[in-house]
PDB file of N, CA and C in Angstrom:
ATOM      1  N   UNK A   1      99.263  99.821 131.512  1.00  0.00           N
ATOM      2  CA  UNK A   1     100.242 100.496 130.695  1.00  0.00           C
ATOM      3  C   UNK A   1     101.616  99.850 130.899  1.00  0.00           C
ATOM      4  N   UNK A   2     101.998  99.596 132.151  1.00  0.00           N
ATOM      5  CA  UNK A   2     103.301  99.005 132.435  1.00  0.00           C
ATOM      6  C   UNK A   2     103.398  97.576 131.907  1.00  0.00           C
ATOM      7  N   UNK A   3     102.312  96.834 131.995  1.00  0.00           N
ATOM      8  CA  UNK A   3     102.319  95.464 131.482  1.00  0.00           C
ATOM      9  C   UNK A   3     102.452  95.435 129.964  1.00  0.00           C
ATOM     10  N   UNK A   4     101.859  96.400 129.268  1.00  0.00           N
ATOM     11  CA  UNK A   4     102.000  96.468 127.811  1.00  0.00           C
ATOM     12  C   UNK A   4     103.433  96.782 127.404  1.00  0.00           C
ATOM     13  N   UNK A   5     104.063  97.699 128.115  1.00  0.00           N
ATOM     14  CA  UNK A   5     105.466  98.029 127.833  1.00  0.00           C
ATOM     15  C   UNK A   5     106.347  96.819 128.118  1.00  0.00           C
ATOM     16  N   UNK A   6     106.085  96.123 129.220  1.00  0.00           N
ATOM     17  CA  UNK A   6     106.870  94.934 129.559  1.00  0.00           C
ATOM     18  C   UNK A   6     106.738  93.868 128.474  1.00  0.00           C
ATOM     19  N   UNK A   7     105.547  93.678 127.958  1.00  0.00           N
ATOM     20  CA  UNK A   7     105.356  92.689 126.893  1.00  0.00           C
ATOM     21  C   UNK A   7     106.085  93.098 125.618  1.00  0.00           C
ATOM     22  N   UNK A   8     106.067  94.386 125.295  1.00  0.00           N
ATOM     23  CA  UNK A   8     106.734  94.866 124.086  1.00  0.00           C
ATOM     24  C   UNK A   8     108.251  94.765 124.191  1.00  0.00           C
ATOM     25  N   UNK A   9     108.792  94.964 125.379  1.00  0.00           N
ATOM     26  CA  UNK A   9     110.247  94.950 125.567  1.00  0.00           C
ATOM     27  C   UNK A   9     110.774  93.589 126.019  1.00  0.00           C
ATOM     28  N   UNK A  10     109.946  92.565 126.054  1.00  0.00           N
ATOM     29  CA  UNK A  10     110.357  91.254 126.568  1.00  0.00           C
ATOM     30  C   UNK A  10     111.552  90.670 125.828  1.00  0.00           C
ATOM     31  N   UNK A  11     111.668  90.899 124.525  1.00  0.00           N
ATOM     32  CA  UNK A  11     112.790  90.335 123.767  1.00  0.00           C
ATOM     33  C   UNK A  11     113.945  91.327 123.600  1.00  0.00           C
ATOM     34  N   UNK A  12     113.896  92.461 124.261  1.00  0.00           N
ATOM     35  CA  UNK A  12     114.944  93.487 124.136  1.00  0.00           C
ATOM     36  C   UNK A  12     115.775  93.662 125.395  1.00  0.00           C
ATOM     37  N   UNK A  13     115.400  93.019 126.465  1.00  0.00           N
ATOM     38  CA  UNK A  13     116.062  93.224 127.755  1.00  0.00           C
ATOM     39  C   UNK A  13     116.758  91.940 128.202  1.00  0.00           C
ATOM     40  N   UNK A  14     117.604  92.010 129.232  1.00  0.00           N
ATOM     41  CA  UNK A  14     118.282  90.801 129.722  1.00  0.00           C
ATOM     42  C   UNK A  14     117.304  89.739 130.216  1.00  0.00           C
ATOM     43  N   UNK A  15     117.805  88.530 130.368  1.00  0.00           N
ATOM     44  CA  UNK A  15     116.980  87.413 130.851  1.00  0.00           C
ATOM     45  C   UNK A  15     116.344  87.764 132.196  1.00  0.00           C
ATOM     46  N   UNK A  16     115.134  87.293 132.386  1.00  0.00           N
ATOM     47  CA  UNK A  16     114.331  87.514 133.599  1.00  0.00           C
ATOM     48  C   UNK A  16     113.830  88.946 133.747  1.00  0.00           C
ATOM     49  N   UNK A  17     113.942  89.753 132.738  1.00  0.00           N
ATOM     50  CA  UNK A  17     113.417  91.111 132.715  1.00  0.00           C
ATOM     51  C   UNK A  17     112.582  91.252 131.458  1.00  0.00           C
ATOM     52  N   UNK A  18     111.697  92.183 131.375  1.00  0.00           N
ATOM     53  CA  UNK A  18     111.309  93.199 132.341  1.00  0.00           C
ATOM     54  C   UNK A  18     110.422  92.617 133.428  1.00  0.00           C
ATOM     55  N   UNK A  19     110.369  93.333 134.519  1.00  0.00           N
ATOM     56  CA  UNK A  19     109.534  92.934 135.644  1.00  0.00           C
ATOM     57  C   UNK A  19     108.578  94.071 135.971  1.00  0.00           C
ATOM     58  N   UNK A  20     107.337  93.713 136.184  1.00  0.00           N
ATOM     59  CA  UNK A  20     106.340  94.678 136.653  1.00  0.00           C
ATOM     60  C   UNK A  20     106.157  94.436 138.140  1.00  0.00           C
ATOM     61  N   UNK A  21     106.450  95.438 138.934  1.00  0.00           N
ATOM     62  CA  UNK A  21     106.330  95.346 140.392  1.00  0.00           C
ATOM     63  C   UNK A  21     104.954  95.858 140.778  1.00  0.00           C
ATOM     64  N   UNK A  22     104.202  95.041 141.484  1.00  0.00           N
ATOM     65  CA  UNK A  22     102.869  95.440 141.934  1.00  0.00           C
ATOM     66  C   UNK A  22     102.739  95.085 143.412  1.00  0.00           C
ATOM     67  N   UNK A  23     103.273  95.931 144.238  1.00  0.00           N
ATOM     68  CA  UNK A  23     103.257  95.713 145.685  1.00  0.00           C
ATOM     69  C   UNK A  23     102.618  96.937 146.356  1.00  0.00           C
ATOM     70  N   UNK A  24     101.345  97.134 146.067  1.00  0.00           N
ATOM     71  CA  UNK A  24     100.666  98.317 146.587  1.00  0.00           C
ATOM     72  C   UNK A  24     100.489  98.272 148.099  1.00  0.00           C
ATOM     73  N   UNK A  25     100.540  97.073 148.702  1.00  0.00           N
ATOM     74  CA  UNK A  25     100.456  96.993 150.167  1.00  0.00           C
ATOM     75  C   UNK A  25     101.638  97.706 150.807  1.00  0.00           C
ATOM     76  N   UNK A  26     102.785  97.688 150.140  1.00  0.00           N
ATOM     77  CA  UNK A  26     103.978  98.375 150.646  1.00  0.00           C
ATOM     78  C   UNK A  26     104.140  99.754 150.023  1.00  0.00           C
ATOM     79  N   UNK A  27     103.186 100.154 149.179  1.00  0.00           N
ATOM     80  CA  UNK A  27     103.183 101.500 148.624  1.00  0.00           C
ATOM     81  C   UNK A  27     104.052 101.686 147.400  1.00  0.00           C
ATOM     82  N   UNK A  28     104.208 100.634 146.576  1.00  0.00           N
ATOM     83  CA  UNK A  28     105.025 100.785 145.376  1.00  0.00           C
ATOM     84  C   UNK A  28     104.513  99.909 144.242  1.00  0.00           C
ATOM     85  N   UNK A  29     104.652 100.425 143.047  1.00  0.00           N
ATOM     86  CA  UNK A  29     104.486  99.622 141.839  1.00  0.00           C
ATOM     87  C   UNK A  29     105.324 100.276 140.761  1.00  0.00           C
ATOM     88  N   UNK A  30     105.703  99.495 139.755  1.00  0.00           N
ATOM     89  CA  UNK A  30     106.559 100.054 138.725  1.00  0.00           C
ATOM     90  C   UNK A  30     107.039  99.037 137.721  1.00  0.00           C
ATOM     91  N   UNK A  31     108.059  99.439 136.965  1.00  0.00           N
ATOM     92  CA  UNK A  31     108.597  98.654 135.861  1.00  0.00           C
ATOM     93  C   UNK A  31     110.114  98.646 135.941  1.00  0.00           C
ATOM     94  N   UNK A  32     110.716  97.455 135.848  1.00  0.00           N
ATOM     95  CA  UNK A  32     112.165  97.303 135.809  1.00  0.00           C
ATOM     96  C   UNK A  32     112.544  96.740 134.446  1.00  0.00           C
ATOM     97  N   UNK A  33     113.361  97.464 133.688  1.00  0.00           N
ATOM     98  CA  UNK A  33     113.839  96.961 132.403  1.00  0.00           C
ATOM     99  C   UNK A  33     115.102  96.130 132.573  1.00  0.00           C
ATOM    100  N   UNK A  34     115.918  96.486 133.522  1.00  0.00           N
ATOM    101  CA  UNK A  34     117.101  95.730 133.921  1.00  0.00           C
ATOM    102  C   UNK A  34     117.475  96.236 135.307  1.00  0.00           C
ATOM    103  N   UNK A  35     118.543  95.722 135.918  1.00  0.00           N
ATOM    104  CA  UNK A  35     118.843  96.168 137.287  1.00  0.00           C
ATOM    105  C   UNK A  35     119.100  97.667 137.446  1.00  0.00           C
ATOM    106  N   UNK A  36     119.474  98.353 136.369  1.00  0.00           N
ATOM    107  CA  UNK A  36     119.782  99.773 136.518  1.00  0.00           C
ATOM    108  C   UNK A  36     118.837 100.697 135.751  1.00  0.00           C
ATOM    109  N   UNK A  37     117.734 100.196 135.241  1.00  0.00           N
ATOM    110  CA  UNK A  37     116.730 101.031 134.571  1.00  0.00           C
ATOM    111  C   UNK A  37     115.356 100.666 135.110  1.00  0.00           C
ATOM    112  N   UNK A  38     114.786 101.563 135.898  1.00  0.00           N
ATOM    113  CA  UNK A  38     113.501 101.272 136.527  1.00  0.00           C
ATOM    114  C   UNK A  38     112.705 102.555 136.745  1.00  0.00           C
ATOM    115  N   UNK A  39     111.405 102.394 136.775  1.00  0.00           N
ATOM    116  CA  UNK A  39     110.485 103.472 137.116  1.00  0.00           C
ATOM    117  C   UNK A  39     109.528 102.924 138.159  1.00  0.00           C
ATOM    118  N   UNK A  40     109.548 103.528 139.341  1.00  0.00           N
ATOM    119  CA  UNK A  40     108.673 103.106 140.433  1.00  0.00           C
ATOM    120  C   UNK A  40     107.786 104.269 140.845  1.00  0.00           C
ATOM    121  N   UNK A  41     106.567 103.952 141.166  1.00  0.00           N
ATOM    122  CA  UNK A  41     105.643 104.908 141.757  1.00  0.00           C
ATOM    123  C   UNK A  41     105.491 104.501 143.216  1.00  0.00           C
ATOM    124  N   UNK A  42     105.905 105.387 144.106  1.00  0.00           N
ATOM    125  CA  UNK A  42     105.928 105.060 145.527  1.00  0.00           C
ATOM    126  C   UNK A  42     105.137 106.098 146.318  1.00  0.00           C
ATOM    127  N   UNK A  43     104.675 105.664 147.476  1.00  0.00           N
ATOM    128  CA  UNK A  43     103.926 106.552 148.357  1.00  0.00           C
ATOM    129  C   UNK A  43     104.513 106.470 149.756  1.00  0.00           C
ATOM    130  N   UNK A  44     104.582 107.615 150.394  1.00  0.00           N
ATOM    131  CA  UNK A  44     105.036 107.649 151.785  1.00  0.00           C
ATOM    132  C   UNK A  44     103.853 107.753 152.743  1.00  0.00           C
ATOM    133  N   UNK A  45     102.659 107.547 152.231  1.00  0.00           N
ATOM    134  CA  UNK A  45     101.450 107.653 153.046  1.00  0.00           C
ATOM    135  C   UNK A  45     100.697 108.939 152.806  1.00  0.00           C
ATOM    136  N   UNK A  46     101.407 109.995 152.428  1.00  0.00           N
ATOM    137  CA  UNK A  46     100.778 111.276 152.142  1.00  0.00           C
ATOM    138  C   UNK A  46     100.907 111.670 150.685  1.00  0.00           C
ATOM    139  N   UNK A  47     102.098 111.524 150.141  1.00  0.00           N
ATOM    140  CA  UNK A  47     102.383 111.943 148.770  1.00  0.00           C
ATOM    141  C   UNK A  47     102.744 110.750 147.902  1.00  0.00           C
ATOM    142  N   UNK A  48     102.616 110.949 146.594  1.00  0.00           N
ATOM    143  CA  UNK A  48     103.012 109.936 145.615  1.00  0.00           C
ATOM    144  C   UNK A  48     104.177 110.498 144.815  1.00  0.00           C
ATOM    145  N   UNK A  49     105.212 109.671 144.628  1.00  0.00           N
ATOM    146  CA  UNK A  49     106.411 110.078 143.916  1.00  0.00           C
ATOM    147  C   UNK A  49     106.678 109.132 142.756  1.00  0.00           C
ATOM    148  N   UNK A  50     107.312 109.656 141.727  1.00  0.00           N
ATOM    149  CA  UNK A  50     107.845 108.835 140.646  1.00  0.00           C
ATOM    150  C   UNK A  50     109.351 108.782 140.853  1.00  0.00           C
ATOM    151  N   UNK A  51     109.886 107.580 141.000  1.00  0.00           N
ATOM    152  CA  UNK A  51     111.324 107.400 141.187  1.00  0.00           C
ATOM    153  C   UNK A  51     111.885 106.687 139.971  1.00  0.00           C
ATOM    154  N   UNK A  52     112.768 107.377 139.261  1.00  0.00           N
ATOM    155  CA  UNK A  52     113.388 106.797 138.082  1.00  0.00           C
ATOM    156  C   UNK A  52     114.853 106.518 138.372  1.00  0.00           C
ATOM    157  N   UNK A  53     115.270 105.314 138.047  1.00  0.00           N
ATOM    158  CA  UNK A  53     116.669 104.925 138.157  1.00  0.00           C
ATOM    159  C   UNK A  53     117.150 104.606 136.749  1.00  0.00           C
ATOM    160  N   UNK A  54     118.266 105.176 136.365  1.00  0.00           N
ATOM    161  CA  UNK A  54     118.827 104.911 135.037  1.00  0.00           C
ATOM    162  C   UNK A  54     120.340 105.026 135.114  1.00  0.00           C
ATOM    163  N   UNK A  55     120.985 104.493 134.101  1.00  0.00           N
ATOM    164  CA  UNK A  55     122.436 104.577 134.020  1.00  0.00           C
ATOM    165  C   UNK A  55     122.774 105.614 132.962  1.00  0.00           C
ATOM    166  N   UNK A  56     123.699 106.495 133.280  1.00  0.00           N
ATOM    167  CA  UNK A  56     124.082 107.529 132.320  1.00  0.00           C
ATOM    168  C   UNK A  56     124.890 106.916 131.184  1.00  0.00           C
ATOM    169  N   UNK A  57     124.875 107.589 130.073  1.00  0.00           N
ATOM    170  CA  UNK A  57     125.612 107.081 128.920  1.00  0.00           C
ATOM    171  C   UNK A  57     127.112 107.145 129.170  1.00  0.00           C
ATOM    172  N   UNK A  58     127.853 106.378 128.415  1.00  0.00           N
ATOM    173  CA  UNK A  58     129.301 106.304 128.608  1.00  0.00           C
ATOM    174  C   UNK A  58     130.018 107.510 128.022  1.00  0.00           C
ATOM    175  N   UNK A  59     129.379 108.243 127.151  1.00  0.00           N
ATOM    176  CA  UNK A  59     129.979 109.442 126.591  1.00  0.00           C
ATOM    177  C   UNK A  59     129.034 110.603 126.815  1.00  0.00           C
ATOM    178  N   UNK A  60     129.594 111.764 126.979  1.00  0.00           N
ATOM    179  CA  UNK A  60     128.789 112.947 127.209  1.00  0.00           C
ATOM    180  C   UNK A  60     129.499 114.133 126.572  1.00  0.00           C
ATOM    181  N   UNK A  61     128.880 114.733 125.568  1.00  0.00           N
ATOM    182  CA  UNK A  61     129.492 115.853 124.864  1.00  0.00           C
ATOM    183  C   UNK A  61     129.608 117.080 125.758  1.00  0.00           C
ATOM    184  N   UNK A  62     128.812 117.135 126.835  1.00  0.00           N
ATOM    185  CA  UNK A  62     128.846 118.305 127.711  1.00  0.00           C
ATOM    186  C   UNK A  62     129.885 118.178 128.820  1.00  0.00           C
ATOM    187  N   UNK A  63     130.510 117.003 128.957  1.00  0.00           N
ATOM    188  CA  UNK A  63     131.530 116.831 129.989  1.00  0.00           C
ATOM    189  C   UNK A  63     132.770 117.633 129.589  1.00  0.00           C
ATOM    190  N   UNK A  64     133.433 118.166 130.563  1.00  0.00           N
ATOM    191  CA  UNK A  64     134.615 118.970 130.286  1.00  0.00           C
ATOM    192  C   UNK A  64     135.735 118.569 131.234  1.00  0.00           C
ATOM    193  N   UNK A  65     136.888 119.166 131.027  1.00  0.00           N
ATOM    194  CA  UNK A  65     138.033 118.843 131.875  1.00  0.00           C
ATOM    195  C   UNK A  65     137.787 119.258 133.317  1.00  0.00           C
ATOM    196  N   UNK A  66     136.925 120.238 133.550  1.00  0.00           N
ATOM    197  CA  UNK A  66     136.654 120.708 134.893  1.00  0.00           C
ATOM    198  C   UNK A  66     135.642 119.870 135.642  1.00  0.00           C
ATOM    199  N   UNK A  67     134.982 118.960 134.929  1.00  0.00           N
ATOM    200  CA  UNK A  67     133.954 118.143 135.568  1.00  0.00           C
ATOM    201  C   UNK A  67     134.139 116.696 135.149  1.00  0.00           C
ATOM    202  N   UNK A  68     134.400 115.838 136.099  1.00  0.00           N
ATOM    203  CA  UNK A  68     134.629 114.437 135.794  1.00  0.00           C
ATOM    204  C   UNK A  68     133.299 113.696 135.744  1.00  0.00           C
ATOM    205  N   UNK A  69     133.164 112.843 134.747  1.00  0.00           N
ATOM    206  CA  UNK A  69     131.966 112.023 134.623  1.00  0.00           C
ATOM    207  C   UNK A  69     132.391 110.572 134.465  1.00  0.00           C
ATOM    208  N   UNK A  70     131.897 109.734 135.343  1.00  0.00           N
ATOM    209  CA  UNK A  70     132.265 108.326 135.304  1.00  0.00           C
ATOM    210  C   UNK A  70     131.355 107.574 134.334  1.00  0.00           C
ATOM    211  N   UNK A  71     131.924 106.641 133.616  1.00  0.00           N
ATOM    212  CA  UNK A  71     131.184 105.885 132.610  1.00  0.00           C
ATOM    213  C   UNK A  71     130.142 104.984 133.260  1.00  0.00           C
ATOM    214  N   UNK A  72     128.929 105.072 132.764  1.00  0.00           N
ATOM    215  CA  UNK A  72     127.865 104.194 133.213  1.00  0.00           C
ATOM    216  C   UNK A  72     127.399 104.399 134.635  1.00  0.00           C
ATOM    217  N   UNK A  73     127.619 105.565 135.185  1.00  0.00           N
ATOM    218  CA  UNK A  73     127.234 105.817 136.573  1.00  0.00           C
ATOM    219  C   UNK A  73     125.712 105.938 136.700  1.00  0.00           C
ATOM    220  N   UNK A  74     125.091 105.207 137.621  1.00  0.00           N
ATOM    221  CA  UNK A  74     123.630 105.298 137.770  1.00  0.00           C
ATOM    222  C   UNK A  74     123.220 106.575 138.495  1.00  0.00           C
ATOM    223  N   UNK A  75     121.999 106.984 138.250  1.00  0.00           N
ATOM    224  CA  UNK A  75     121.453 108.122 138.980  1.00  0.00           C
ATOM    225  C   UNK A  75     120.000 107.839 139.319  1.00  0.00           C
ATOM    226  N   UNK A  76     119.517 108.493 140.344  1.00  0.00           N
ATOM    227  CA  UNK A  76     118.126 108.361 140.781  1.00  0.00           C
ATOM    228  C   UNK A  76     117.462 109.724 140.720  1.00  0.00           C
ATOM    229  N   UNK A  77     116.253 109.734 140.221  1.00  0.00           N
ATOM    230  CA  UNK A  77     115.480 110.963 140.092  1.00  0.00           C
ATOM    231  C   UNK A  77     114.133 110.738 140.764  1.00  0.00           C
ATOM    232  N   UNK A  78     113.836 111.528 141.780  1.00  0.00           N
ATOM    233  CA  UNK A  78     112.566 111.404 142.509  1.00  0.00           C
ATOM    234  C   UNK A  78     111.745 112.663 142.283  1.00  0.00           C
ATOM    235  N   UNK A  79     110.516 112.473 141.779  1.00  0.00           N
ATOM    236  CA  UNK A  79     109.634 113.605 141.469  1.00  0.00           C
ATOM    237  C   UNK A  79     108.303 113.449 142.186  1.00  0.00           C
ATOM    238  N   UNK A  80     107.865 114.524 142.771  1.00  0.00           N
ATOM    239  CA  UNK A  80     106.562 114.550 143.419  1.00  0.00           C
ATOM    240  C   UNK A  80     105.481 114.614 142.348  1.00  0.00           C
ATOM    241  N   UNK A  81     104.505 113.734 142.452  1.00  0.00           N
ATOM    242  CA  UNK A  81     103.380 113.738 141.513  1.00  0.00           C
ATOM    243  C   UNK A  81     102.173 114.392 142.164  1.00  0.00           C
ATOM    244  N   UNK A  82     101.406 115.085 141.353  1.00  0.00           N
ATOM    245  CA  UNK A  82     100.193 115.706 141.884  1.00  0.00           C
ATOM    246  C   UNK A  82      99.129 114.638 142.111  1.00  0.00           C
ATOM    247  N   UNK A  83      98.160 114.976 142.923  1.00  0.00           N
ATOM    248  CA  UNK A  83      97.090 114.034 143.236  1.00  0.00           C
ATOM    249  C   UNK A  83      96.290 113.686 141.983  1.00  0.00           C
ATOM    250  N   UNK A  84      96.121 114.644 141.103  1.00  0.00           N
ATOM    251  CA  UNK A  84      95.351 114.421 139.875  1.00  0.00           C
ATOM    252  C   UNK A  84      96.277 114.250 138.667  1.00  0.00           C
ATOM    253  N   UNK A  85      97.288 113.384 138.793  1.00  0.00           N
ATOM    254  CA  UNK A  85      98.232 113.148 137.708  1.00  0.00           C
ATOM    255  C   UNK A  85      97.478 112.576 136.498  1.00  0.00           C
ATOM    256  N   UNK A  86      97.808 113.071 135.324  1.00  0.00           N
ATOM    257  CA  UNK A  86      97.095 112.651 134.118  1.00  0.00           C
ATOM    258  C   UNK A  86      97.768 111.435 133.481  1.00  0.00           C
ATOM    259  N   UNK A  87      97.020 110.770 132.614  1.00  0.00           N
ATOM    260  CA  UNK A  87      97.566 109.645 131.856  1.00  0.00           C
ATOM    261  C   UNK A  87      98.745 110.092 131.006  1.00  0.00           C
ATOM    262  N   UNK A  88      98.662 111.302 130.464  1.00  0.00           N
ATOM    263  CA  UNK A  88      99.741 111.816 129.626  1.00  0.00           C
ATOM    264  C   UNK A  88     101.033 111.976 130.421  1.00  0.00           C
ATOM    265  N   UNK A  89     100.936 112.451 131.643  1.00  0.00           N
ATOM    266  CA  UNK A  89     102.130 112.588 132.491  1.00  0.00           C
ATOM    267  C   UNK A  89     102.746 111.222 132.788  1.00  0.00           C
ATOM    268  N   UNK A  90     101.910 110.223 133.041  1.00  0.00           N
ATOM    269  CA  UNK A  90     102.410 108.875 133.284  1.00  0.00           C
ATOM    270  C   UNK A  90     103.074 108.301 132.040  1.00  0.00           C
ATOM    271  N   UNK A  91     102.452 108.517 130.879  1.00  0.00           N
ATOM    272  CA  UNK A  91     103.056 108.051 129.614  1.00  0.00           C
ATOM    273  C   UNK A  91     104.385 108.742 129.365  1.00  0.00           C
ATOM    274  N   UNK A  92     104.484 110.022 129.713  1.00  0.00           N
ATOM    275  CA  UNK A  92     105.740 110.747 129.536  1.00  0.00           C
ATOM    276  C   UNK A  92     106.844 110.165 130.424  1.00  0.00           C
ATOM    277  N   UNK A  93     106.508 109.791 131.649  1.00  0.00           N
ATOM    278  CA  UNK A  93     107.501 109.178 132.530  1.00  0.00           C
ATOM    279  C   UNK A  93     107.972 107.833 131.986  1.00  0.00           C
ATOM    280  N   UNK A  94     107.038 107.021 131.523  1.00  0.00           N
ATOM    281  CA  UNK A  94     107.405 105.734 130.923  1.00  0.00           C
ATOM    282  C   UNK A  94     108.237 105.969 129.667  1.00  0.00           C
ATOM    283  N   UNK A  95     107.840 106.948 128.861  1.00  0.00           N
ATOM    284  CA  UNK A  95     108.595 107.281 127.655  1.00  0.00           C
ATOM    285  C   UNK A  95     110.003 107.758 127.963  1.00  0.00           C
ATOM    286  N   UNK A  96     110.170 108.507 129.039  1.00  0.00           N
ATOM    287  CA  UNK A  96     111.507 108.963 129.432  1.00  0.00           C
ATOM    288  C   UNK A  96     112.385 107.780 129.827  1.00  0.00           C
ATOM    289  N   UNK A  97     111.824 106.828 130.567  1.00  0.00           N
ATOM    290  CA  UNK A  97     112.581 105.631 130.933  1.00  0.00           C
ATOM    291  C   UNK A  97     112.990 104.856 129.685  1.00  0.00           C
ATOM    292  N   UNK A  98     112.054 104.661 128.767  1.00  0.00           N
ATOM    293  CA  UNK A  98     112.356 103.923 127.542  1.00  0.00           C
ATOM    294  C   UNK A  98     113.384 104.650 126.690  1.00  0.00           C
ATOM    295  N   UNK A  99     113.317 105.965 126.673  1.00  0.00           N
ATOM    296  CA  UNK A  99     114.298 106.748 125.921  1.00  0.00           C
ATOM    297  C   UNK A  99     115.690 106.566 126.503  1.00  0.00           C
ATOM    298  N   UNK A 100     115.804 106.596 127.809  1.00  0.00           N
ATOM    299  CA  UNK A 100     117.110 106.383 128.448  1.00  0.00           C
ATOM    300  C   UNK A 100     117.631 104.981 128.156  1.00  0.00           C
ATOM    301  N   UNK A 101     116.740 103.992 128.153  1.00  0.00           N
ATOM    302  CA  UNK A 101     117.130 102.616 127.846  1.00  0.00           C
ATOM    303  C   UNK A 101     117.589 102.503 126.391  1.00  0.00           C
ATOM    304  N   UNK A 102     116.843 103.094 125.479  1.00  0.00           N
ATOM    305  CA  UNK A 102     117.143 102.969 124.056  1.00  0.00           C
ATOM    306  C   UNK A 102     118.383 103.743 123.632  1.00  0.00           C
ATOM    307  N   UNK A 103     118.781 104.759 124.383  1.00  0.00           N
ATOM    308  CA  UNK A 103     119.935 105.581 124.008  1.00  0.00           C
ATOM    309  C   UNK A 103     121.274 104.935 124.359  1.00  0.00           C
ATOM    310  N   UNK A 104     121.279 103.973 125.271  1.00  0.00           N
ATOM    311  CA  UNK A 104     122.537 103.330 125.622  1.00  0.00           C
ATOM    312  C   UNK A 104     122.940 102.332 124.548  1.00  0.00           C
ATOM    313  N   UNK A 105     124.232 102.221 124.270  1.00  0.00           N
ATOM    314  CA  UNK A 105     124.668 101.228 123.294  1.00  0.00           C
ATOM    315  C   UNK A 105     124.369  99.822 123.802  1.00  0.00           C
ATOM    316  N   UNK A 106     123.862  99.008 122.937  1.00  0.00           N
ATOM    317  CA  UNK A 106     123.475  97.648 123.298  1.00  0.00           C
ATOM    318  C   UNK A 106     123.920  96.676 122.208  1.00  0.00           C
ATOM    319  N   UNK A 107     123.664  95.425 122.458  1.00  0.00           N
ATOM    320  CA  UNK A 107     123.878  94.410 121.436  1.00  0.00           C
ATOM    321  C   UNK A 107     122.846  94.632 120.351  1.00  0.00           C
ATOM    322  N   UNK A 108     123.207  94.340 119.101  1.00  0.00           N
ATOM    323  CA  UNK A 108     122.342  94.657 117.955  1.00  0.00           C
ATOM    324  C   UNK A 108     120.938  94.093 118.109  1.00  0.00           C
ATOM    325  N   UNK A 109     120.768  92.854 118.554  1.00  0.00           N
ATOM    326  CA  UNK A 109     119.421  92.284 118.602  1.00  0.00           C
ATOM    327  C   UNK A 109     118.549  92.889 119.689  1.00  0.00           C
ATOM    328  N   UNK A 110     119.134  93.622 120.615  1.00  0.00           N
ATOM    329  CA  UNK A 110     118.342  94.249 121.670  1.00  0.00           C
ATOM    330  C   UNK A 110     117.796  95.597 121.230  1.00  0.00           C
ATOM    331  N   UNK A 111     118.535  96.302 120.378  1.00  0.00           N
ATOM    332  CA  UNK A 111     118.099  97.634 119.975  1.00  0.00           C
ATOM    333  C   UNK A 111     117.207  97.579 118.750  1.00  0.00           C
ATOM    334  N   UNK A 112     116.514  98.647 118.512  1.00  0.00           N
ATOM    335  CA  UNK A 112     115.692  98.780 117.310  1.00  0.00           C
ATOM    336  C   UNK A 112     116.538  99.434 116.241  1.00  0.00           C
ATOM    337  N   UNK A 113     117.186  98.646 115.408  1.00  0.00           N
ATOM    338  CA  UNK A 113     118.018  99.216 114.344  1.00  0.00           C
ATOM    339  C   UNK A 113     117.418  98.964 112.985  1.00  0.00           C
TER     340      UNK A 113
END
């Protein structure tokens, strides 16, 4: 699944990306779209987690004077996955990463316009 997404996004991401990480000996595999957009599946030996890294958009309609939001600030989201995680749940995680990537303003040839 990750290799198919990487092939589809090959002409939409910066040079040398996307990268599919397959290092199961160290307990991780995943997909990097660029340095600040990635989805990794990691294990600590007992549990499996989905770790998503993304950059927030430069504008936010929900930001207010009482809460400061910095432009392009990255965030990390770590979620515990169940032992019997379904294909649909995995597709949803990949879809969430792609949605975050597609929502940021980009150069015209990178986006689907």
